[in-house]
Amino acid sequence: MPVARRGAEDLLKLILSGSLFHGLDAQLIASDLVLARSIQEVLDSFGPGVEYFTNHGHAEDGEEAQFLVTGFHFNSLAVTLYDICPISVDSDRILVAWRFEDA
């Protein structure tokens, strides 16, 4: 499903700091400038016309989607695992960041 840039940033934060099985870590909500800058640098490396996608179910909510919520849902791409992935695509490259956890 398509997702906005802000959603892609939050999804990368979730992959780096959260748990799909045990819930979100409180630090996800707190400001972490180093983490935020790192995520922005990765996404800024894409050219104009970049598009973002995810299997996170809240992408269905459009621009107002809240990805860092305790009751999130997702459309699993792997049968026996919980998984979340943001995907960034431009005309020259693709980024797939994927997190798996045992169901």
C-alpha atoms as a PDB file:
ATOM      1  CA  MET A   1       0.000   0.000   0.000  1.00  0.00           C
ATOM      2  CA  PRO A   2       1.269   3.542  -0.671  1.00  0.00           C
ATOM      3  CA  VAL A   3       2.464   5.586   2.293  1.00  0.00           C
ATOM      4  CA  ALA A   4       3.622   9.189   2.805  1.00  0.00           C
ATOM      5  CA  ARG A   5       7.258  10.129   3.556  1.00  0.00           C
ATOM      6  CA  ARG A   6       6.380  10.676   7.239  1.00  0.00           C
ATOM      7  CA  GLY A   7       4.963   7.156   7.356  1.00  0.00           C
ATOM      8  CA  ALA A   8       8.138   5.716   5.845  1.00  0.00           C
ATOM      9  CA  GLU A   9      10.168   7.530   8.519  1.00  0.00           C
ATOM     10  CA  ASP A  10       7.977   6.131  11.307  1.00  0.00           C
ATOM     11  CA  LEU A  11       8.160   2.630   9.858  1.00  0.00           C
ATOM     12  CA  LEU A  12      11.953   2.736   9.775  1.00  0.00           C
ATOM     13  CA  LYS A  13      11.884   3.914  13.379  1.00  0.00           C
ATOM     14  CA  LEU A  14       9.603   0.981  14.275  1.00  0.00           C
ATOM     15  CA  ILE A  15      11.932  -1.479  12.572  1.00  0.00           C
ATOM     16  CA  LEU A  16      14.948  -0.094  14.412  1.00  0.00           C
ATOM     17  CA  SER A  17      13.419   0.353  17.873  1.00  0.00           C
ATOM     18  CA  GLY A  18      10.193  -1.556  18.269  1.00  0.00           C
ATOM     19  CA  SER A  19       8.891  -5.077  18.598  1.00  0.00           C
ATOM     20  CA  LEU A  20       6.055  -6.427  16.496  1.00  0.00           C
ATOM     21  CA  PHE A  21       5.257  -9.154  19.014  1.00  0.00           C
ATOM     22  CA  HIS A  22       5.881  -7.445  22.358  1.00  0.00           C
ATOM     23  CA  GLY A  23       4.611  -4.003  21.386  1.00  0.00           C
ATOM     24  CA  LEU A  24       6.177  -0.663  20.799  1.00  0.00           C
ATOM     25  CA  ASP A  25       9.066   0.608  22.874  1.00  0.00           C
ATOM     26  CA  ALA A  26       8.358   3.876  24.716  1.00  0.00           C
ATOM     27  CA  GLN A  27      11.507   5.355  23.191  1.00  0.00           C
ATOM     28  CA  LEU A  28       9.768   5.371  19.812  1.00  0.00           C
ATOM     29  CA  ILE A  29       7.651   8.281  20.931  1.00  0.00           C
ATOM     30  CA  ALA A  30      10.576  10.148  22.539  1.00  0.00           C
ATOM     31  CA  SER A  31      12.730  12.378  20.372  1.00  0.00           C
ATOM     32  CA  ASP A  32      15.994  10.773  19.242  1.00  0.00           C
ATOM     33  CA  LEU A  33      17.851  13.223  17.000  1.00  0.00           C
ATOM     34  CA  VAL A  34      20.562  10.774  15.943  1.00  0.00           C
ATOM     35  CA  LEU A  35      18.017   8.171  14.872  1.00  0.00           C
ATOM     36  CA  ALA A  36      15.847  10.788  13.139  1.00  0.00           C
ATOM     37  CA  ARG A  37      18.820  12.230  11.227  1.00  0.00           C
ATOM     38  CA  SER A  38      19.970   8.777  10.149  1.00  0.00           C
ATOM     39  CA  ILE A  39      16.527   7.888   8.830  1.00  0.00           C
ATOM     40  CA  GLN A  40      16.242  11.225   7.013  1.00  0.00           C
ATOM     41  CA  GLU A  41      19.666  10.770   5.391  1.00  0.00           C
ATOM     42  CA  VAL A  42      18.704   7.344   4.085  1.00  0.00           C
ATOM     43  CA  LEU A  43      15.419   8.589   2.627  1.00  0.00           C
ATOM     44  CA  ASP A  44      16.975  11.834   1.319  1.00  0.00           C
ATOM     45  CA  SER A  45      19.382   9.751  -0.778  1.00  0.00           C
ATOM     46  CA  PHE A  46      16.529   8.928  -3.133  1.00  0.00           C
ATOM     47  CA  GLY A  47      15.892  11.141  -6.129  1.00  0.00           C
ATOM     48  CA  PRO A  48      12.838  13.117  -7.135  1.00  0.00           C
ATOM     49  CA  GLY A  49       9.677  11.146  -7.655  1.00  0.00           C
ATOM     50  CA  VAL A  50      10.407   8.689  -4.847  1.00  0.00           C
ATOM     51  CA  GLU A  51       7.427   6.607  -3.788  1.00  0.00           C
ATOM     52  CA  TYR A  52       6.954   4.761  -0.496  1.00  0.00           C
ATOM     53  CA  PHE A  53       5.005   1.572   0.168  1.00  0.00           C
ATOM     54  CA  THR A  54       4.349  -0.738   3.115  1.00  0.00           C
ATOM     55  CA  ASN A  55       2.457  -3.809   4.258  1.00  0.00           C
ATOM     56  CA  HIS A  56       1.530  -1.997   7.514  1.00  0.00           C
ATOM     57  CA  GLY A  57      -2.253  -2.011   7.740  1.00  0.00           C
ATOM     58  CA  HIS A  58      -2.574   1.602   8.887  1.00  0.00           C
ATOM     59  CA  ALA A  59      -1.373   2.733   5.446  1.00  0.00           C
ATOM     60  CA  GLU A  60      -5.049   2.314   4.565  1.00  0.00           C
ATOM     61  CA  ASP A  61      -5.665   5.467   6.638  1.00  0.00           C
ATOM     62  CA  GLY A  62      -3.836   7.637   4.061  1.00  0.00           C
ATOM     63  CA  GLU A  63      -1.876  10.772   4.986  1.00  0.00           C
ATOM     64  CA  GLU A  64      -3.229  10.675   8.558  1.00  0.00           C
ATOM     65  CA  ALA A  65      -1.991   7.135   9.239  1.00  0.00           C
ATOM     66  CA  GLN A  66      -0.511   6.576  12.699  1.00  0.00           C
ATOM     67  CA  PHE A  67       2.151   3.882  12.499  1.00  0.00           C
ATOM     68  CA  LEU A  68       3.535   4.130  16.037  1.00  0.00           C
ATOM     69  CA  VAL A  69       0.429   2.986  17.885  1.00  0.00           C
ATOM     70  CA  THR A  70       0.098   0.019  20.213  1.00  0.00           C
ATOM     71  CA  GLY A  71      -2.842  -1.453  18.323  1.00  0.00           C
ATOM     72  CA  PHE A  72      -1.252  -1.506  14.887  1.00  0.00           C
ATOM     73  CA  HIS A  73      -2.171  -4.131  12.330  1.00  0.00           C
ATOM     74  CA  PHE A  74      -0.416  -5.304   9.203  1.00  0.00           C
ATOM     75  CA  ASN A  75      -0.839  -7.501   6.164  1.00  0.00           C
ATOM     76  CA  SER A  76       1.749 -10.216   6.719  1.00  0.00           C
ATOM     77  CA  LEU A  77       3.991 -11.022   3.770  1.00  0.00           C
ATOM     78  CA  ALA A  78       5.341 -14.112   5.533  1.00  0.00           C
ATOM     79  CA  VAL A  79       2.981 -16.842   6.741  1.00  0.00           C
ATOM     80  CA  THR A  80       4.618 -17.852  10.039  1.00  0.00           C
ATOM     81  CA  LEU A  81       6.118 -14.524  11.057  1.00  0.00           C
ATOM     82  CA  TYR A  82       5.053 -11.015  11.938  1.00  0.00           C
ATOM     83  CA  ASP A  83       6.660  -8.704   9.441  1.00  0.00           C
ATOM     84  CA  ILE A  84       6.699  -5.000   8.654  1.00  0.00           C
ATOM     85  CA  CYS A  85       8.427  -3.405   5.694  1.00  0.00           C
ATOM     86  CA  PRO A  86       8.692   0.068   4.262  1.00  0.00           C
ATOM     87  CA  ILE A  87       9.796   0.148   0.628  1.00  0.00           C
ATOM     88  CA  SER A  88      11.227   3.228  -1.110  1.00  0.00           C
ATOM     89  CA  VAL A  89      11.418   3.336  -4.899  1.00  0.00           C
ATOM     90  CA  ASP A  90      12.763   5.905  -7.334  1.00  0.00           C
ATOM     91  CA  SER A  91      13.853   5.598 -10.964  1.00  0.00           C
ATOM     92  CA  ASP A  92      17.344   4.344 -10.027  1.00  0.00           C
ATOM     93  CA  ARG A  93      17.025   2.282  -6.859  1.00  0.00           C
ATOM     94  CA  ILE A  94      14.874   0.508  -4.338  1.00  0.00           C
ATOM     95  CA  LEU A  95      15.150   0.209  -0.543  1.00  0.00           C
ATOM     96  CA  VAL A  96      13.455  -2.634   1.291  1.00  0.00           C
ATOM     97  CA  ALA A  97      13.773  -2.517   5.080  1.00  0.00           C
ATOM     98  CA  TRP A  98      12.123  -5.583   6.549  1.00  0.00           C
ATOM     99  CA  ARG A  99      11.676  -6.776  10.106  1.00  0.00           C
ATOM    100  CA  PHE A 100      10.555 -10.298  10.974  1.00  0.00           C
ATOM    101  CA  GLU A 101       9.576 -11.732  14.352  1.00  0.00           C
ATOM    102  CA  ASP A 102       8.216 -15.155  15.279  1.00  0.00           C
ATOM    103  CA  ALA A 103       4.448 -15.220  15.511  1.00  0.00           C
END
